[in-house]
Amino acid sequence: MSRGALRLARLLAAALCVTAVVAGVPVHAWASDAPAGPGEIRRRIETIDHQIAKVQTELSRHTSASNRGTWLLFEATRALDVARLELRNSRFWSVAPDELRLALLGTTPEEQAVANARDRYRTLVTGHVGGVVRLGETLRTRLAALDLARAQLVSLLARSHRPAAPSWSGGGSPTAGEWARAFLAEIGAPGCAENRVLVVAWQAQESTDARFNPLATTHWMPGASAFNRVDVKDYRSVAQGLAASRETLEGGADSYGYGAILSSLRACDDAEATAWYVNASAWCRGCTGGAYLTSLLSAVRADYAAYAA
């Protein structure tokens, strides 16, 4: 065996040693599985991200051998096609042997070329080359399935954060506690005690008289008007104000760092943890000496009823 052929054989053999664990990880996180809630969906997305990273690593390691194997199969297929064409041409000119000549003298060079090319192709398909090509196809199919599963889960997670019914159905202006519950429902977060303390403290920290806008957002909504010179809005209804506050946080999830606030609320983290994310975001970074919101938590927790009213 030549040195080049030996190197190729070693490369193909190494590529075939990809672990069955990576190639056979089950795609179990389809949207149709109906996960229990946003936390479970996020856990499944993280699991799929880990699987995608493993398959991408194996595919990257395998790509060179797979491409070389594909090229060898292509060359073998082309050689078989050329041999068959030459055989057809020879038969067209009536030089192909009859049964007697075949028995006496054997096959013609053209027939032998077809047989050799066919044997070469079969050897490649059933040997290391075919295995390495099939493994590359398996990994690429696996990666596509994982990408699809992840996209379905991301879509399901987005839908799970939308309230099935209006988050506020009462009349008049809600108290701080009522608005906190409605806002948490609006963003798809649980109405746990830590979340309610955080949102009530947030309203107290802003301490604004803007209509239906206790977090003092400047987000545009149809028919909204300016409350002050920095364009904090007066909204037309409680529902519009809730939607505006949600859209503010979701719209700035990446660009302003609000995504961590939403994730913390949806996970029902400690109010102090969520407040830290508010401080770290662009909402009011550096305000009140870096104590924005955090300085109020202990007071709200100690007398929640008064603040919530």
C-alpha atoms as a PDB file:
ATOM      1  CA  MET A   1       0.000   0.000   0.000  1.00  0.00           C
ATOM      2  CA  SER A   2       1.377   3.430  -0.902  1.00  0.00           C
ATOM      3  CA  ARG A   3       2.090   6.027   1.786  1.00  0.00           C
ATOM      4  CA  GLY A   4      -0.769   8.242   0.543  1.00  0.00           C
ATOM      5  CA  ALA A   5      -3.222   5.338   0.559  1.00  0.00           C
ATOM      6  CA  LEU A   6      -2.092   4.387   4.075  1.00  0.00           C
ATOM      7  CA  ARG A   7      -2.701   7.943   5.331  1.00  0.00           C
ATOM      8  CA  LEU A   8      -6.162   7.956   3.768  1.00  0.00           C
ATOM      9  CA  ALA A   9      -7.008   4.590   5.350  1.00  0.00           C
ATOM     10  CA  ARG A  10      -5.942   5.877   8.775  1.00  0.00           C
ATOM     11  CA  LEU A  11      -7.972   9.055   8.309  1.00  0.00           C
ATOM     12  CA  LEU A  12     -11.070   7.131   7.314  1.00  0.00           C
ATOM     13  CA  ALA A  13     -10.671   4.662  10.177  1.00  0.00           C
ATOM     14  CA  ALA A  14     -10.320   7.502  12.694  1.00  0.00           C
ATOM     15  CA  ALA A  15     -13.408   9.237  11.346  1.00  0.00           C
ATOM     16  CA  LEU A  16     -15.435   6.061  11.809  1.00  0.00           C
ATOM     17  CA  CYS A  17     -14.611   6.058  15.538  1.00  0.00           C
ATOM     18  CA  VAL A  18     -17.185   8.802  16.284  1.00  0.00           C
ATOM     19  CA  THR A  19     -19.022   7.758  19.426  1.00  0.00           C
ATOM     20  CA  ALA A  20     -22.467   6.238  19.152  1.00  0.00           C
ATOM     21  CA  VAL A  21     -23.587   8.504  21.998  1.00  0.00           C
ATOM     22  CA  VAL A  22     -23.259  11.617  19.845  1.00  0.00           C
ATOM     23  CA  ALA A  23     -24.657  10.081  16.679  1.00  0.00           C
ATOM     24  CA  GLY A  24     -27.568   8.510  18.504  1.00  0.00           C
ATOM     25  CA  VAL A  25     -28.701  11.170  20.988  1.00  0.00           C
ATOM     26  CA  PRO A  26     -32.505  11.125  20.826  1.00  0.00           C
ATOM     27  CA  VAL A  27     -34.302  14.277  19.763  1.00  0.00           C
ATOM     28  CA  HIS A  28     -36.835  14.340  22.566  1.00  0.00           C
ATOM     29  CA  ALA A  29     -37.606  18.035  22.825  1.00  0.00           C
ATOM     30  CA  TRP A  30     -40.159  18.613  20.068  1.00  0.00           C
ATOM     31  CA  ALA A  31     -42.839  21.238  20.601  1.00  0.00           C
ATOM     32  CA  SER A  32     -45.499  18.532  20.436  1.00  0.00           C
ATOM     33  CA  ASP A  33     -44.170  17.120  23.732  1.00  0.00           C
ATOM     34  CA  ALA A  34     -46.163  19.865  25.502  1.00  0.00           C
ATOM     35  CA  PRO A  35     -43.590  20.813  28.211  1.00  0.00           C
ATOM     36  CA  ALA A  36     -44.993  21.837  31.585  1.00  0.00           C
ATOM     37  CA  GLY A  37     -44.027  25.485  31.430  1.00  0.00           C
ATOM     38  CA  PRO A  38     -41.432  28.125  30.447  1.00  0.00           C
ATOM     39  CA  GLY A  39     -38.841  26.753  32.885  1.00  0.00           C
ATOM     40  CA  GLU A  40     -39.076  23.266  31.409  1.00  0.00           C
ATOM     41  CA  ILE A  41     -38.945  24.650  27.862  1.00  0.00           C
ATOM     42  CA  ARG A  42     -35.782  26.632  28.686  1.00  0.00           C
ATOM     43  CA  ARG A  43     -34.237  23.490  30.211  1.00  0.00           C
ATOM     44  CA  ARG A  44     -34.947  21.558  27.017  1.00  0.00           C
ATOM     45  CA  ILE A  45     -33.476  24.349  24.879  1.00  0.00           C
ATOM     46  CA  GLU A  46     -30.287  24.213  26.959  1.00  0.00           C
ATOM     47  CA  THR A  47     -30.173  20.421  26.516  1.00  0.00           C
ATOM     48  CA  ILE A  48     -30.571  20.767  22.747  1.00  0.00           C
ATOM     49  CA  ASP A  49     -27.883  23.486  22.637  1.00  0.00           C
ATOM     50  CA  HIS A  50     -25.520  21.038  24.340  1.00  0.00           C
ATOM     51  CA  GLN A  51     -26.405  18.298  21.846  1.00  0.00           C
ATOM     52  CA  ILE A  52     -25.963  20.680  18.900  1.00  0.00           C
ATOM     53  CA  ALA A  53     -22.506  21.663  20.157  1.00  0.00           C
ATOM     54  CA  LYS A  54     -21.479  17.984  20.414  1.00  0.00           C
ATOM     55  CA  VAL A  55     -22.744  17.116  16.926  1.00  0.00           C
ATOM     56  CA  GLN A  56     -21.113  20.231  15.431  1.00  0.00           C
ATOM     57  CA  THR A  57     -17.813  19.257  17.040  1.00  0.00           C
ATOM     58  CA  GLU A  58     -17.994  15.728  15.639  1.00  0.00           C
ATOM     59  CA  LEU A  59     -19.071  16.959  12.212  1.00  0.00           C
ATOM     60  CA  SER A  60     -16.212  19.454  12.117  1.00  0.00           C
ATOM     61  CA  ARG A  61     -13.770  16.706  13.054  1.00  0.00           C
ATOM     62  CA  HIS A  62     -15.259  14.425  10.427  1.00  0.00           C
ATOM     63  CA  THR A  63     -15.731  16.870   7.539  1.00  0.00           C
ATOM     64  CA  SER A  64     -12.353  16.397   5.845  1.00  0.00           C
ATOM     65  CA  ALA A  65     -12.641  12.605   5.720  1.00  0.00           C
ATOM     66  CA  SER A  66     -16.274  12.788   4.654  1.00  0.00           C
ATOM     67  CA  ASN A  67     -15.480  15.167   1.798  1.00  0.00           C
ATOM     68  CA  ARG A  68     -12.580  12.963   0.672  1.00  0.00           C
ATOM     69  CA  GLY A  69     -14.802   9.887   0.792  1.00  0.00           C
ATOM     70  CA  THR A  70     -17.521  11.613  -1.192  1.00  0.00           C
ATOM     71  CA  TRP A  71     -14.946  12.574  -3.827  1.00  0.00           C
ATOM     72  CA  LEU A  72     -13.676   8.988  -4.088  1.00  0.00           C
ATOM     73  CA  LEU A  73     -17.213   7.709  -4.563  1.00  0.00           C
ATOM     74  CA  PHE A  74     -17.816  10.342  -7.219  1.00  0.00           C
ATOM     75  CA  GLU A  75     -14.659   9.333  -9.074  1.00  0.00           C
ATOM     76  CA  ALA A  76     -15.624   5.646  -8.866  1.00  0.00           C
ATOM     77  CA  THR A  77     -19.096   6.425 -10.217  1.00  0.00           C
ATOM     78  CA  ARG A  78     -17.624   8.448 -13.048  1.00  0.00           C
ATOM     79  CA  ALA A  79     -15.163   5.652 -13.925  1.00  0.00           C
ATOM     80  CA  LEU A  80     -18.050   3.159 -14.019  1.00  0.00           C
ATOM     81  CA  ASP A  81     -20.061   5.452 -16.294  1.00  0.00           C
ATOM     82  CA  VAL A  82     -17.101   5.894 -18.654  1.00  0.00           C
ATOM     83  CA  ALA A  83     -16.483   2.141 -18.789  1.00  0.00           C
ATOM     84  CA  ARG A  84     -20.130   1.453 -19.560  1.00  0.00           C
ATOM     85  CA  LEU A  85     -20.055   4.089 -22.318  1.00  0.00           C
ATOM     86  CA  GLU A  86     -17.002   2.460 -23.899  1.00  0.00           C
ATOM     87  CA  LEU A  87     -18.696  -0.919 -23.742  1.00  0.00           C
ATOM     88  CA  ARG A  88     -21.805   0.464 -25.463  1.00  0.00           C
ATOM     89  CA  ASN A  89     -19.639   1.996 -28.176  1.00  0.00           C
ATOM     90  CA  SER A  90     -17.794  -1.273 -28.772  1.00  0.00           C
ATOM     91  CA  ARG A  91     -21.066  -3.170 -29.053  1.00  0.00           C
ATOM     92  CA  PHE A  92     -22.415  -0.546 -31.397  1.00  0.00           C
ATOM     93  CA  TRP A  93     -19.565  -1.346 -33.788  1.00  0.00           C
ATOM     94  CA  SER A  94     -20.388  -5.083 -33.478  1.00  0.00           C
ATOM     95  CA  VAL A  95     -17.144  -6.135 -31.850  1.00  0.00           C
ATOM     96  CA  ALA A  96     -18.724  -7.524 -28.712  1.00  0.00           C
ATOM     97  CA  PRO A  97     -18.117 -11.306 -28.463  1.00  0.00           C
ATOM     98  CA  ASP A  98     -20.780 -13.930 -28.864  1.00  0.00           C
ATOM     99  CA  GLU A  99     -21.183 -16.755 -26.366  1.00  0.00           C
ATOM    100  CA  LEU A 100     -18.685 -18.980 -28.186  1.00  0.00           C
ATOM    101  CA  ARG A 101     -15.977 -16.321 -28.310  1.00  0.00           C
ATOM    102  CA  LEU A 102     -16.667 -15.410 -24.678  1.00  0.00           C
ATOM    103  CA  ALA A 103     -16.218 -19.032 -23.693  1.00  0.00           C
ATOM    104  CA  LEU A 104     -12.982 -19.406 -25.725  1.00  0.00           C
ATOM    105  CA  LEU A 105     -11.266 -16.072 -25.240  1.00  0.00           C
ATOM    106  CA  GLY A 106     -12.918 -14.491 -22.185  1.00  0.00           C
ATOM    107  CA  THR A 107     -14.220 -10.969 -21.804  1.00  0.00           C
ATOM    108  CA  THR A 108     -13.232  -8.037 -23.949  1.00  0.00           C
ATOM    109  CA  PRO A 109     -11.205  -5.201 -22.456  1.00  0.00           C
ATOM    110  CA  GLU A 110     -14.334  -3.067 -22.395  1.00  0.00           C
ATOM    111  CA  GLU A 111     -16.303  -5.677 -20.434  1.00  0.00           C
ATOM    112  CA  GLN A 112     -13.424  -6.134 -18.004  1.00  0.00           C
ATOM    113  CA  ALA A 113     -13.223  -2.375 -17.476  1.00  0.00           C
ATOM    114  CA  VAL A 114     -16.912  -2.306 -16.500  1.00  0.00           C
ATOM    115  CA  ALA A 115     -16.419  -5.229 -14.116  1.00  0.00           C
ATOM    116  CA  ASN A 116     -13.367  -3.592 -12.528  1.00  0.00           C
ATOM    117  CA  ALA A 117     -15.135  -0.247 -12.136  1.00  0.00           C
ATOM    118  CA  ARG A 118     -18.187  -1.943 -10.615  1.00  0.00           C
ATOM    119  CA  ASP A 119     -16.004  -3.862  -8.116  1.00  0.00           C
ATOM    120  CA  ARG A 120     -14.176  -0.657  -7.184  1.00  0.00           C
ATOM    121  CA  TYR A 121     -17.433   1.163  -6.534  1.00  0.00           C
ATOM    122  CA  ARG A 122     -18.864  -1.678  -4.420  1.00  0.00           C
ATOM    123  CA  THR A 123     -15.666  -1.892  -2.386  1.00  0.00           C
ATOM    124  CA  LEU A 124     -15.805   1.824  -1.615  1.00  0.00           C
ATOM    125  CA  VAL A 125     -19.511   1.772  -0.739  1.00  0.00           C
ATOM    126  CA  THR A 126     -19.257  -1.204   1.611  1.00  0.00           C
ATOM    127  CA  GLY A 127     -15.862  -0.318   3.082  1.00  0.00           C
ATOM    128  CA  HIS A 128     -14.362   2.560   5.063  1.00  0.00           C
ATOM    129  CA  VAL A 129     -15.162   5.136   2.414  1.00  0.00           C
ATOM    130  CA  GLY A 130     -18.862   4.310   2.364  1.00  0.00           C
ATOM    131  CA  GLY A 131     -18.968   4.263   6.152  1.00  0.00           C
ATOM    132  CA  VAL A 132     -17.350   7.655   6.507  1.00  0.00           C
ATOM    133  CA  VAL A 133     -19.710   9.183   3.939  1.00  0.00           C
ATOM    134  CA  ARG A 134     -22.763   7.684   5.652  1.00  0.00           C
ATOM    135  CA  LEU A 135     -21.582   8.962   9.012  1.00  0.00           C
ATOM    136  CA  GLY A 136     -21.221  12.475   7.605  1.00  0.00           C
ATOM    137  CA  GLU A 137     -24.749  12.301   6.231  1.00  0.00           C
ATOM    138  CA  THR A 138     -26.026  11.007   9.595  1.00  0.00           C
ATOM    139  CA  LEU A 139     -24.386  13.854  11.488  1.00  0.00           C
ATOM    140  CA  ARG A 140     -25.729  16.485   9.085  1.00  0.00           C
ATOM    141  CA  THR A 141     -29.242  14.998   9.313  1.00  0.00           C
ATOM    142  CA  ARG A 142     -28.892  14.929  13.101  1.00  0.00           C
ATOM    143  CA  LEU A 143     -27.860  18.575  13.201  1.00  0.00           C
ATOM    144  CA  ALA A 144     -30.801  19.631  11.021  1.00  0.00           C
ATOM    145  CA  ALA A 145     -33.226  17.754  13.294  1.00  0.00           C
ATOM    146  CA  LEU A 146     -31.770  19.402  16.405  1.00  0.00           C
ATOM    147  CA  ASP A 147     -31.962  22.859  14.802  1.00  0.00           C
ATOM    148  CA  LEU A 148     -35.612  22.255  13.930  1.00  0.00           C
ATOM    149  CA  ALA A 149     -36.389  21.027  17.461  1.00  0.00           C
ATOM    150  CA  ARG A 150     -34.718  24.096  18.955  1.00  0.00           C
ATOM    151  CA  ALA A 151     -36.639  26.472  16.678  1.00  0.00           C
ATOM    152  CA  GLN A 152     -39.918  24.808  17.670  1.00  0.00           C
ATOM    153  CA  LEU A 153     -39.097  25.146  21.370  1.00  0.00           C
ATOM    154  CA  VAL A 154     -38.110  28.800  21.017  1.00  0.00           C
ATOM    155  CA  SER A 155     -41.436  29.462  19.302  1.00  0.00           C
ATOM    156  CA  LEU A 156     -43.272  27.571  22.053  1.00  0.00           C
ATOM    157  CA  LEU A 157     -41.422  29.536  24.736  1.00  0.00           C
ATOM    158  CA  ALA A 158     -42.430  32.818  23.108  1.00  0.00           C
ATOM    159  CA  ARG A 159     -46.070  31.711  23.008  1.00  0.00           C
ATOM    160  CA  SER A 160     -45.940  30.606  26.649  1.00  0.00           C
ATOM    161  CA  HIS A 161     -45.058  34.146  27.674  1.00  0.00           C
ATOM    162  CA  ARG A 162     -48.235  35.565  26.205  1.00  0.00           C
ATOM    163  CA  PRO A 163     -51.276  35.599  28.460  1.00  0.00           C
ATOM    164  CA  ALA A 164     -54.140  33.440  27.214  1.00  0.00           C
ATOM    165  CA  ALA A 165     -56.604  36.082  28.433  1.00  0.00           C
ATOM    166  CA  PRO A 166     -56.290  39.830  29.124  1.00  0.00           C
ATOM    167  CA  SER A 167     -54.065  40.293  32.185  1.00  0.00           C
ATOM    168  CA  TRP A 168     -56.345  43.044  33.526  1.00  0.00           C
ATOM    169  CA  SER A 169     -60.115  42.849  33.380  1.00  0.00           C
ATOM    170  CA  GLY A 170     -61.062  45.081  36.270  1.00  0.00           C
ATOM    171  CA  GLY A 171     -62.367  48.622  36.041  1.00  0.00           C
ATOM    172  CA  GLY A 172     -60.795  51.857  37.213  1.00  0.00           C
ATOM    173  CA  SER A 173     -57.166  52.187  38.264  1.00  0.00           C
ATOM    174  CA  PRO A 174     -55.534  49.184  39.942  1.00  0.00           C
ATOM    175  CA  THR A 175     -53.603  49.430  43.183  1.00  0.00           C
ATOM    176  CA  ALA A 176     -49.858  48.812  43.060  1.00  0.00           C
ATOM    177  CA  GLY A 177     -50.440  45.225  44.175  1.00  0.00           C
ATOM    178  CA  GLU A 178     -53.125  44.629  41.552  1.00  0.00           C
ATOM    179  CA  TRP A 179     -50.977  46.148  38.839  1.00  0.00           C
ATOM    180  CA  ALA A 180     -48.050  43.964  39.915  1.00  0.00           C
ATOM    181  CA  ARG A 181     -50.139  40.798  39.563  1.00  0.00           C
ATOM    182  CA  ALA A 182     -51.496  41.934  36.189  1.00  0.00           C
ATOM    183  CA  PHE A 183     -48.027  42.849  34.933  1.00  0.00           C
ATOM    184  CA  LEU A 184     -46.591  39.486  35.964  1.00  0.00           C
ATOM    185  CA  ALA A 185     -49.422  37.750  34.109  1.00  0.00           C
ATOM    186  CA  GLU A 186     -48.771  39.996  31.097  1.00  0.00           C
ATOM    187  CA  ILE A 187     -45.123  38.896  30.806  1.00  0.00           C
ATOM    188  CA  GLY A 188     -45.852  35.239  31.568  1.00  0.00           C
ATOM    189  CA  ALA A 189     -44.213  35.275  35.026  1.00  0.00           C
ATOM    190  CA  PRO A 190     -45.641  33.639  38.161  1.00  0.00           C
ATOM    191  CA  GLY A 191     -47.323  35.849  40.732  1.00  0.00           C
ATOM    192  CA  CYS A 192     -45.080  34.591  43.553  1.00  0.00           C
ATOM    193  CA  ALA A 193     -44.341  36.714  46.611  1.00  0.00           C
ATOM    194  CA  GLU A 194     -40.791  37.633  45.502  1.00  0.00           C
ATOM    195  CA  ASN A 195     -42.025  38.828  42.130  1.00  0.00           C
ATOM    196  CA  ARG A 196     -44.824  40.884  43.698  1.00  0.00           C
ATOM    197  CA  VAL A 197     -42.404  42.514  46.153  1.00  0.00           C
ATOM    198  CA  LEU A 198     -40.069  43.379  43.287  1.00  0.00           C
ATOM    199  CA  VAL A 199     -42.744  44.903  41.016  1.00  0.00           C
ATOM    200  CA  VAL A 200     -44.424  46.850  43.839  1.00  0.00           C
ATOM    201  CA  ALA A 201     -41.008  48.214  44.893  1.00  0.00           C
ATOM    202  CA  TRP A 202     -40.304  49.116  41.260  1.00  0.00           C
ATOM    203  CA  GLN A 203     -43.496  51.152  41.111  1.00  0.00           C
ATOM    204  CA  ALA A 204     -42.649  52.853  44.399  1.00  0.00           C
ATOM    205  CA  GLN A 205     -39.158  53.655  43.124  1.00  0.00           C
ATOM    206  CA  GLU A 206     -40.523  55.338  39.984  1.00  0.00           C
ATOM    207  CA  SER A 207     -43.237  57.115  42.002  1.00  0.00           C
ATOM    208  CA  THR A 208     -44.813  58.618  38.894  1.00  0.00           C
ATOM    209  CA  ASP A 209     -48.262  60.051  38.304  1.00  0.00           C
ATOM    210  CA  ALA A 210     -48.212  59.044  34.651  1.00  0.00           C
ATOM    211  CA  ARG A 211     -51.591  57.551  33.784  1.00  0.00           C
ATOM    212  CA  PHE A 212     -51.656  53.740  33.681  1.00  0.00           C
ATOM    213  CA  ASN A 213     -47.852  53.768  33.544  1.00  0.00           C
ATOM    214  CA  PRO A 214     -46.399  53.061  37.009  1.00  0.00           C
ATOM    215  CA  LEU A 215     -42.985  52.021  35.621  1.00  0.00           C
ATOM    216  CA  ALA A 216     -42.708  55.315  33.692  1.00  0.00           C
ATOM    217  CA  THR A 217     -41.886  53.827  30.305  1.00  0.00           C
ATOM    218  CA  THR A 218     -41.593  56.025  27.224  1.00  0.00           C
ATOM    219  CA  HIS A 219     -42.775  53.282  24.866  1.00  0.00           C
ATOM    220  CA  TRP A 220     -45.068  54.529  22.077  1.00  0.00           C
ATOM    221  CA  MET A 221     -48.586  53.137  21.873  1.00  0.00           C
ATOM    222  CA  PRO A 222     -51.522  54.262  19.702  1.00  0.00           C
ATOM    223  CA  GLY A 223     -53.235  57.282  21.245  1.00  0.00           C
ATOM    224  CA  ALA A 224     -50.717  57.634  24.090  1.00  0.00           C
ATOM    225  CA  SER A 225     -49.646  61.157  25.028  1.00  0.00           C
ATOM    226  CA  ALA A 226     -46.567  62.660  26.676  1.00  0.00           C
ATOM    227  CA  PHE A 227     -46.721  62.956  30.465  1.00  0.00           C
ATOM    228  CA  ASN A 228     -43.520  64.983  30.865  1.00  0.00           C
ATOM    229  CA  ARG A 229     -40.597  66.475  28.963  1.00  0.00           C
ATOM    230  CA  VAL A 230     -38.645  63.212  28.788  1.00  0.00           C
ATOM    231  CA  ASP A 231     -41.629  61.639  27.010  1.00  0.00           C
ATOM    232  CA  VAL A 232     -42.864  59.303  29.731  1.00  0.00           C
ATOM    233  CA  LYS A 233     -46.294  58.321  28.427  1.00  0.00           C
ATOM    234  CA  ASP A 234     -49.858  58.632  29.610  1.00  0.00           C
ATOM    235  CA  TYR A 235     -51.697  55.558  28.337  1.00  0.00           C
ATOM    236  CA  ARG A 236     -55.350  55.220  27.441  1.00  0.00           C
ATOM    237  CA  SER A 237     -56.070  52.154  29.571  1.00  0.00           C
ATOM    238  CA  VAL A 238     -54.607  49.759  32.079  1.00  0.00           C
ATOM    239  CA  ALA A 239     -54.334  47.083  29.400  1.00  0.00           C
ATOM    240  CA  GLN A 240     -52.441  49.430  27.082  1.00  0.00           C
ATOM    241  CA  GLY A 241     -50.054  50.414  29.871  1.00  0.00           C
ATOM    242  CA  LEU A 242     -49.390  46.767  30.734  1.00  0.00           C
ATOM    243  CA  ALA A 243     -48.717  45.945  27.083  1.00  0.00           C
ATOM    244  CA  ALA A 244     -46.403  48.951  26.778  1.00  0.00           C
ATOM    245  CA  SER A 245     -44.386  47.885  29.831  1.00  0.00           C
ATOM    246  CA  ARG A 246     -44.086  44.339  28.476  1.00  0.00           C
ATOM    247  CA  GLU A 247     -43.068  45.533  25.011  1.00  0.00           C
ATOM    248  CA  THR A 248     -40.459  47.821  26.576  1.00  0.00           C
ATOM    249  CA  LEU A 249     -38.760  44.924  28.347  1.00  0.00           C
ATOM    250  CA  GLU A 250     -39.103  42.431  25.499  1.00  0.00           C
ATOM    251  CA  GLY A 251     -37.996  44.949  22.881  1.00  0.00           C
ATOM    252  CA  GLY A 252     -34.859  45.752  24.865  1.00  0.00           C
ATOM    253  CA  ALA A 253     -34.141  42.167  25.911  1.00  0.00           C
ATOM    254  CA  ASP A 254     -30.847  42.081  24.009  1.00  0.00           C
ATOM    255  CA  SER A 255     -29.952  45.697  23.301  1.00  0.00           C
ATOM    256  CA  TYR A 256     -30.649  47.080  26.802  1.00  0.00           C
ATOM    257  CA  GLY A 257     -30.105  44.008  28.953  1.00  0.00           C
ATOM    258  CA  TYR A 258     -33.771  43.575  29.868  1.00  0.00           C
ATOM    259  CA  GLY A 259     -33.782  39.895  28.943  1.00  0.00           C
ATOM    260  CA  ALA A 260     -32.173  38.994  32.280  1.00  0.00           C
ATOM    261  CA  ILE A 261     -34.946  40.867  34.127  1.00  0.00           C
ATOM    262  CA  LEU A 262     -37.635  38.908  32.293  1.00  0.00           C
ATOM    263  CA  SER A 263     -35.854  35.592  32.828  1.00  0.00           C
ATOM    264  CA  SER A 264     -35.438  36.301  36.533  1.00  0.00           C
ATOM    265  CA  LEU A 265     -39.106  37.204  36.964  1.00  0.00           C
ATOM    266  CA  ARG A 266     -40.241  34.179  34.965  1.00  0.00           C
ATOM    267  CA  ALA A 267     -38.056  31.951  37.149  1.00  0.00           C
ATOM    268  CA  CYS A 268     -39.406  33.580  40.360  1.00  0.00           C
ATOM    269  CA  ASP A 269     -35.906  34.466  41.568  1.00  0.00           C
ATOM    270  CA  ASP A 270     -35.320  36.349  44.811  1.00  0.00           C
ATOM    271  CA  ALA A 271     -36.406  39.970  44.534  1.00  0.00           C
ATOM    272  CA  GLU A 272     -32.808  41.031  45.288  1.00  0.00           C
ATOM    273  CA  ALA A 273     -31.527  39.014  42.323  1.00  0.00           C
ATOM    274  CA  THR A 274     -34.069  40.527  39.941  1.00  0.00           C
ATOM    275  CA  ALA A 275     -33.306  44.018  41.300  1.00  0.00           C
ATOM    276  CA  TRP A 276     -29.629  43.397  40.573  1.00  0.00           C
ATOM    277  CA  TYR A 277     -30.523  42.645  36.952  1.00  0.00           C
ATOM    278  CA  VAL A 278     -32.517  45.889  36.773  1.00  0.00           C
ATOM    279  CA  ASN A 279     -29.482  47.774  38.070  1.00  0.00           C
ATOM    280  CA  ALA A 280     -27.190  46.043  35.592  1.00  0.00           C
ATOM    281  CA  SER A 281     -29.469  46.886  32.655  1.00  0.00           C
ATOM    282  CA  ALA A 282     -29.875  50.200  30.856  1.00  0.00           C
ATOM    283  CA  TRP A 283     -33.142  50.880  32.730  1.00  0.00           C
ATOM    284  CA  CYS A 284     -31.480  53.116  35.275  1.00  0.00           C
ATOM    285  CA  ARG A 285     -27.849  52.082  35.451  1.00  0.00           C
ATOM    286  CA  GLY A 286     -26.083  54.121  38.103  1.00  0.00           C
ATOM    287  CA  CYS A 287     -29.284  55.803  39.347  1.00  0.00           C
ATOM    288  CA  THR A 288     -29.449  56.707  43.055  1.00  0.00           C
ATOM    289  CA  GLY A 289     -25.826  55.778  43.506  1.00  0.00           C
ATOM    290  CA  GLY A 290     -26.404  52.276  42.214  1.00  0.00           C
ATOM    291  CA  ALA A 291     -29.098  51.604  44.817  1.00  0.00           C
ATOM    292  CA  TYR A 292     -32.035  52.011  42.435  1.00  0.00           C
ATOM    293  CA  LEU A 293     -34.776  49.626  43.541  1.00  0.00           C
ATOM    294  CA  THR A 294     -32.531  47.589  45.848  1.00  0.00           C
ATOM    295  CA  SER A 295     -32.760  50.193  48.613  1.00  0.00           C
ATOM    296  CA  LEU A 296     -36.561  49.840  48.741  1.00  0.00           C
ATOM    297  CA  LEU A 297     -36.883  46.072  48.871  1.00  0.00           C
ATOM    298  CA  SER A 298     -36.495  45.664  52.626  1.00  0.00           C
ATOM    299  CA  ALA A 299     -39.104  48.344  53.327  1.00  0.00           C
ATOM    300  CA  VAL A 300     -41.612  46.889  50.861  1.00  0.00           C
ATOM    301  CA  ARG A 301     -41.057  43.389  52.198  1.00  0.00           C
ATOM    302  CA  ALA A 302     -41.583  44.610  55.775  1.00  0.00           C
ATOM    303  CA  ASP A 303     -44.848  46.435  54.977  1.00  0.00           C
ATOM    304  CA  TYR A 304     -46.058  44.967  51.706  1.00  0.00           C
ATOM    305  CA  ALA A 305     -49.732  45.672  52.390  1.00  0.00           C
ATOM    306  CA  ALA A 306     -49.167  49.418  52.684  1.00  0.00           C
ATOM    307  CA  TYR A 307     -47.040  49.653  49.540  1.00  0.00           C
ATOM    308  CA  ALA A 308     -49.341  47.363  47.559  1.00  0.00           C
ATOM    309  CA  ALA A 309     -52.358  49.524  48.422  1.00  0.00           C
END
